Structure formats: C-alpha cells, structure tokens
Amino acid sequence: MTRDQQGGWVYDRYRGTMYVGVTSNLAARTHQHRSGERSDFCARYGLTRLVWAEHSGDIANCIAHEKRLKRWRRQWKFDLIERGNPDWRDMFDTLA
C-alpha cells in the first residue's frame, strides 16, 4: 500500500484506545490526525501512530470492511495488527 492509496487503517496507543477509519489518501489523512485536525477523537486520545493499513481498490469495499472491523472484539483487532506489525511500530514511514 502506498501513502496515496485508499484503504483502511488503525491508529492506536499500544493495546489502548483504537481508531479505525477509511480514506482515499492515507498521507493526507495521517497528516490531519497528527496535527489534530479533522478528528476530535484522535486529538482527544493522542492517536497519531499508524499501526495497520490495508489497501482495496474499491472504496465501497473499504467502507464495508471498516464497519466490520468496528464490530470486532478488541482482541481480534490486536491479533490483526500483530500479525503484520508485532512491535506496533508506526507504519507510515515504511509506506512507499
């Protein structure tokens, strides 16, 4: 996934508060969250670290997947993140 592709993502403080969302431009959305813009929730809880991202070419699929993820149990979300990012590192700088 590249920074400008659409897809889903999760911000998190290690195993704490999580934010699940979808965007058509990951770089721009990440910048907004890190600067405290456009998400009162992320600003309130200090969520700035991108710990999971997944690409889909179809925005409707992205939105449907986001809604499913929001219904998942917390442990299932942790397991999803840890399969691809076991150290919960900020993934934004690793995206092409």
N, C-alpha and C. Protein backbone atom coordinates (compact mmCIF):
# COMPACT_ATOMS: atom_id res chain seq x y z
N MET A 1 0.86 -1.18 0.00
CA MET A 1 0.00 0.00 0.00
C MET A 1 0.89 1.23 0.00
N THR A 2 0.55 2.20 -0.80
CA THR A 2 1.29 3.45 -0.81
C THR A 2 0.51 4.51 -0.06
N ARG A 3 1.18 5.59 0.26
CA ARG A 3 0.57 6.64 1.07
C ARG A 3 -0.64 7.29 0.42
N ASP A 4 -0.73 7.24 -0.90
CA ASP A 4 -1.83 7.94 -1.56
C ASP A 4 -2.96 7.01 -1.99
N GLN A 5 -2.92 5.75 -1.62
CA GLN A 5 -3.98 4.82 -1.98
C GLN A 5 -5.08 4.81 -0.94
N GLN A 6 -6.25 4.42 -1.39
CA GLN A 6 -7.37 4.32 -0.46
C GLN A 6 -7.29 3.01 0.30
N GLY A 7 -7.84 3.01 1.48
CA GLY A 7 -7.83 1.80 2.27
C GLY A 7 -8.21 2.08 3.70
N GLY A 8 -8.13 1.05 4.51
CA GLY A 8 -8.47 1.19 5.92
C GLY A 8 -7.22 1.32 6.76
N TRP A 9 -7.37 1.81 7.94
CA TRP A 9 -6.21 1.96 8.82
C TRP A 9 -6.65 1.95 10.26
N VAL A 10 -5.71 1.75 11.15
CA VAL A 10 -5.95 1.79 12.59
C VAL A 10 -4.85 2.63 13.23
N TYR A 11 -5.25 3.56 14.09
CA TYR A 11 -4.31 4.28 14.94
C TYR A 11 -4.47 3.71 16.34
N ASP A 12 -3.40 3.70 17.10
CA ASP A 12 -3.51 3.11 18.42
C ASP A 12 -2.39 3.57 19.33
N ARG A 13 -2.69 3.62 20.60
CA ARG A 13 -1.65 3.63 21.63
C ARG A 13 -1.56 2.16 22.01
N TYR A 14 -0.38 1.63 22.14
CA TYR A 14 -0.18 0.19 22.28
C TYR A 14 -1.24 -0.46 23.15
N ARG A 15 -2.05 -1.26 22.50
CA ARG A 15 -3.13 -2.02 23.13
C ARG A 15 -4.07 -1.14 23.97
N GLY A 16 -4.18 0.10 23.58
CA GLY A 16 -5.07 1.03 24.27
C GLY A 16 -6.22 1.43 23.36
N THR A 17 -6.50 2.71 23.35
CA THR A 17 -7.57 3.26 22.54
C THR A 17 -7.24 3.10 21.06
N MET A 18 -8.23 2.68 20.29
CA MET A 18 -8.03 2.48 18.85
C MET A 18 -9.00 3.34 18.06
N TYR A 19 -8.54 3.71 16.86
CA TYR A 19 -9.37 4.43 15.91
C TYR A 19 -9.27 3.69 14.59
N VAL A 20 -10.40 3.30 14.04
CA VAL A 20 -10.46 2.62 12.75
C VAL A 20 -11.11 3.56 11.77
N GLY A 21 -10.51 3.71 10.58
CA GLY A 21 -11.09 4.60 9.60
C GLY A 21 -10.77 4.17 8.18
N VAL A 22 -11.29 4.93 7.24
CA VAL A 22 -11.06 4.68 5.82
C VAL A 22 -10.78 6.02 5.15
N THR A 23 -9.94 6.00 4.12
CA THR A 23 -9.58 7.24 3.44
C THR A 23 -9.23 6.95 1.99
N SER A 24 -9.28 7.96 1.17
CA SER A 24 -8.81 7.84 -0.21
C SER A 24 -7.38 8.36 -0.33
N ASN A 25 -6.84 8.96 0.74
CA ASN A 25 -5.47 9.49 0.71
C ASN A 25 -4.86 9.35 2.10
N LEU A 26 -4.13 8.27 2.30
CA LEU A 26 -3.58 7.95 3.61
C LEU A 26 -2.61 9.01 4.11
N ALA A 27 -1.79 9.55 3.22
CA ALA A 27 -0.81 10.56 3.63
C ALA A 27 -1.50 11.80 4.17
N ALA A 28 -2.49 12.28 3.44
CA ALA A 28 -3.20 13.49 3.87
C ALA A 28 -3.96 13.24 5.17
N ARG A 29 -4.61 12.10 5.26
CA ARG A 29 -5.39 11.80 6.47
C ARG A 29 -4.48 11.65 7.68
N THR A 30 -3.34 11.00 7.49
CA THR A 30 -2.40 10.84 8.60
C THR A 30 -1.89 12.20 9.05
N HIS A 31 -1.57 13.07 8.12
CA HIS A 31 -1.13 14.42 8.46
C HIS A 31 -2.21 15.15 9.27
N GLN A 32 -3.46 15.03 8.86
CA GLN A 32 -4.55 15.68 9.59
C GLN A 32 -4.62 15.17 11.02
N HIS A 33 -4.54 13.87 11.20
CA HIS A 33 -4.62 13.31 12.54
C HIS A 33 -3.43 13.73 13.39
N ARG A 34 -2.26 13.74 12.81
CA ARG A 34 -1.06 14.09 13.58
C ARG A 34 -1.04 15.56 13.95
N SER A 35 -1.71 16.39 13.18
CA SER A 35 -1.76 17.82 13.50
C SER A 35 -3.01 18.19 14.28
N GLY A 36 -3.82 17.18 14.65
CA GLY A 36 -5.00 17.43 15.46
C GLY A 36 -6.20 17.94 14.69
N GLU A 37 -6.18 17.79 13.37
CA GLU A 37 -7.27 18.27 12.53
C GLU A 37 -8.21 17.13 12.15
N ARG A 38 -9.48 17.46 11.98
CA ARG A 38 -10.49 16.60 11.37
C ARG A 38 -10.82 15.32 12.15
N SER A 39 -10.32 15.17 13.33
CA SER A 39 -10.73 14.05 14.16
C SER A 39 -10.59 14.44 15.63
N ASP A 40 -11.69 14.86 16.21
CA ASP A 40 -11.67 15.19 17.63
C ASP A 40 -11.28 13.98 18.46
N PHE A 41 -11.70 12.79 18.02
CA PHE A 41 -11.40 11.56 18.76
C PHE A 41 -9.90 11.32 18.82
N CYS A 42 -9.23 11.37 17.66
CA CYS A 42 -7.77 11.15 17.63
C CYS A 42 -7.04 12.22 18.44
N ALA A 43 -7.49 13.47 18.32
CA ALA A 43 -6.86 14.55 19.07
C ALA A 43 -7.04 14.35 20.57
N ARG A 44 -8.24 13.99 20.98
CA ARG A 44 -8.55 13.81 22.41
C ARG A 44 -7.69 12.71 23.03
N TYR A 45 -7.48 11.61 22.28
CA TYR A 45 -6.76 10.47 22.84
C TYR A 45 -5.30 10.38 22.39
N GLY A 46 -4.84 11.38 21.64
CA GLY A 46 -3.45 11.40 21.22
C GLY A 46 -3.07 10.28 20.27
N LEU A 47 -3.99 9.91 19.39
CA LEU A 47 -3.74 8.80 18.47
C LEU A 47 -3.08 9.34 17.20
N THR A 48 -1.80 9.07 17.06
CA THR A 48 -1.05 9.57 15.91
C THR A 48 -0.24 8.48 15.23
N ARG A 49 -0.16 7.32 15.81
CA ARG A 49 0.68 6.25 15.26
C ARG A 49 -0.15 5.32 14.39
N LEU A 50 0.24 5.18 13.14
CA LEU A 50 -0.41 4.28 12.20
C LEU A 50 0.15 2.88 12.43
N VAL A 51 -0.68 1.95 12.89
CA VAL A 51 -0.17 0.62 13.21
C VAL A 51 -0.68 -0.47 12.28
N TRP A 52 -1.62 -0.14 11.40
CA TRP A 52 -2.13 -1.13 10.45
C TRP A 52 -2.73 -0.39 9.28
N ALA A 53 -2.52 -0.89 8.09
CA ALA A 53 -3.14 -0.32 6.89
C ALA A 53 -3.38 -1.43 5.89
N GLU A 54 -4.48 -1.34 5.19
CA GLU A 54 -4.83 -2.34 4.20
C GLU A 54 -5.42 -1.63 3.00
N HIS A 55 -5.03 -2.03 1.80
CA HIS A 55 -5.49 -1.38 0.58
C HIS A 55 -6.59 -2.20 -0.10
N SER A 56 -7.53 -1.49 -0.65
CA SER A 56 -8.54 -2.07 -1.53
C SER A 56 -8.78 -1.06 -2.64
N GLY A 57 -8.92 -1.52 -3.85
CA GLY A 57 -9.13 -0.63 -4.97
C GLY A 57 -10.52 -0.04 -5.04
N ASP A 58 -11.43 -0.54 -4.22
CA ASP A 58 -12.82 -0.10 -4.28
C ASP A 58 -13.22 0.52 -2.94
N ILE A 59 -13.60 1.79 -2.96
CA ILE A 59 -13.92 2.50 -1.71
C ILE A 59 -15.12 1.88 -1.00
N ALA A 60 -16.08 1.36 -1.75
CA ALA A 60 -17.24 0.71 -1.12
C ALA A 60 -16.80 -0.50 -0.30
N ASN A 61 -15.84 -1.27 -0.82
CA ASN A 61 -15.30 -2.41 -0.06
C ASN A 61 -14.57 -1.93 1.19
N CYS A 62 -13.85 -0.83 1.06
CA CYS A 62 -13.14 -0.26 2.21
C CYS A 62 -14.12 0.12 3.32
N ILE A 63 -15.19 0.78 2.95
CA ILE A 63 -16.17 1.23 3.93
C ILE A 63 -16.85 0.03 4.59
N ALA A 64 -17.18 -0.99 3.82
CA ALA A 64 -17.81 -2.19 4.38
C ALA A 64 -16.85 -2.88 5.35
N HIS A 65 -15.56 -2.95 4.99
CA HIS A 65 -14.58 -3.58 5.87
C HIS A 65 -14.39 -2.77 7.14
N GLU A 66 -14.37 -1.45 7.02
CA GLU A 66 -14.26 -0.58 8.20
C GLU A 66 -15.40 -0.87 9.18
N LYS A 67 -16.61 -0.97 8.66
CA LYS A 67 -17.77 -1.24 9.52
C LYS A 67 -17.65 -2.59 10.21
N ARG A 68 -17.12 -3.60 9.48
CA ARG A 68 -16.92 -4.91 10.10
C ARG A 68 -15.88 -4.82 11.22
N LEU A 69 -14.76 -4.15 10.93
CA LEU A 69 -13.70 -4.02 11.94
C LEU A 69 -14.20 -3.33 13.20
N LYS A 70 -15.04 -2.35 13.04
CA LYS A 70 -15.55 -1.62 14.21
C LYS A 70 -16.41 -2.51 15.10
N ARG A 71 -16.95 -3.58 14.52
CA ARG A 71 -17.77 -4.52 15.33
C ARG A 71 -16.93 -5.63 15.95
N TRP A 72 -15.68 -5.77 15.50
CA TRP A 72 -14.82 -6.83 16.03
C TRP A 72 -14.51 -6.61 17.50
N ARG A 73 -14.22 -7.69 18.18
CA ARG A 73 -13.73 -7.62 19.55
C ARG A 73 -12.33 -7.00 19.54
N ARG A 74 -11.97 -6.35 20.63
CA ARG A 74 -10.65 -5.70 20.72
C ARG A 74 -9.52 -6.69 20.46
N GLN A 75 -9.60 -7.88 21.03
CA GLN A 75 -8.53 -8.87 20.87
C GLN A 75 -8.36 -9.25 19.40
N TRP A 76 -9.44 -9.35 18.65
CA TRP A 76 -9.34 -9.68 17.23
C TRP A 76 -8.58 -8.57 16.49
N LYS A 77 -8.84 -7.32 16.86
CA LYS A 77 -8.11 -6.20 16.25
C LYS A 77 -6.63 -6.25 16.63
N PHE A 78 -6.34 -6.55 17.88
CA PHE A 78 -4.95 -6.69 18.31
C PHE A 78 -4.26 -7.79 17.51
N ASP A 79 -4.95 -8.92 17.33
CA ASP A 79 -4.38 -10.04 16.58
C ASP A 79 -4.11 -9.65 15.13
N LEU A 80 -5.03 -8.92 14.52
CA LEU A 80 -4.85 -8.45 13.15
C LEU A 80 -3.61 -7.57 13.04
N ILE A 81 -3.48 -6.63 13.94
CA ILE A 81 -2.32 -5.72 13.94
C ILE A 81 -1.03 -6.51 14.15
N GLU A 82 -1.02 -7.40 15.12
CA GLU A 82 0.20 -8.10 15.49
C GLU A 82 0.65 -9.12 14.45
N ARG A 83 -0.25 -9.59 13.59
CA ARG A 83 0.17 -10.48 12.50
C ARG A 83 1.09 -9.73 11.52
N GLY A 84 0.79 -8.47 11.27
CA GLY A 84 1.59 -7.71 10.31
C GLY A 84 2.55 -6.72 10.94
N ASN A 85 2.36 -6.42 12.22
CA ASN A 85 3.17 -5.40 12.89
C ASN A 85 3.32 -5.79 14.37
N PRO A 86 4.08 -6.85 14.64
CA PRO A 86 4.14 -7.38 16.01
C PRO A 86 4.70 -6.41 17.04
N ASP A 87 5.49 -5.44 16.62
CA ASP A 87 6.08 -4.48 17.56
C ASP A 87 5.29 -3.18 17.65
N TRP A 88 4.16 -3.12 16.95
CA TRP A 88 3.29 -1.94 16.97
C TRP A 88 4.06 -0.68 16.57
N ARG A 89 4.93 -0.81 15.58
CA ARG A 89 5.69 0.34 15.11
C ARG A 89 4.79 1.23 14.25
N ASP A 90 5.16 2.50 14.18
CA ASP A 90 4.46 3.43 13.30
C ASP A 90 4.79 3.04 11.86
N MET A 91 3.79 2.64 11.10
CA MET A 91 3.99 2.14 9.75
C MET A 91 4.06 3.23 8.69
N PHE A 92 3.71 4.45 9.02
CA PHE A 92 3.60 5.47 7.99
C PHE A 92 4.89 5.67 7.21
N ASP A 93 6.01 5.70 7.89
CA ASP A 93 7.29 5.94 7.21
C ASP A 93 7.73 4.75 6.36
N THR A 94 7.13 3.58 6.55
CA THR A 94 7.50 2.42 5.77
C THR A 94 6.67 2.30 4.48
N LEU A 95 5.63 3.09 4.37
CA LEU A 95 4.81 3.04 3.16
C LEU A 95 5.55 3.75 2.03
N ALA A 96 5.44 3.19 0.85
CA ALA A 96 6.13 3.77 -0.32
C ALA A 96 5.52 5.10 -0.71
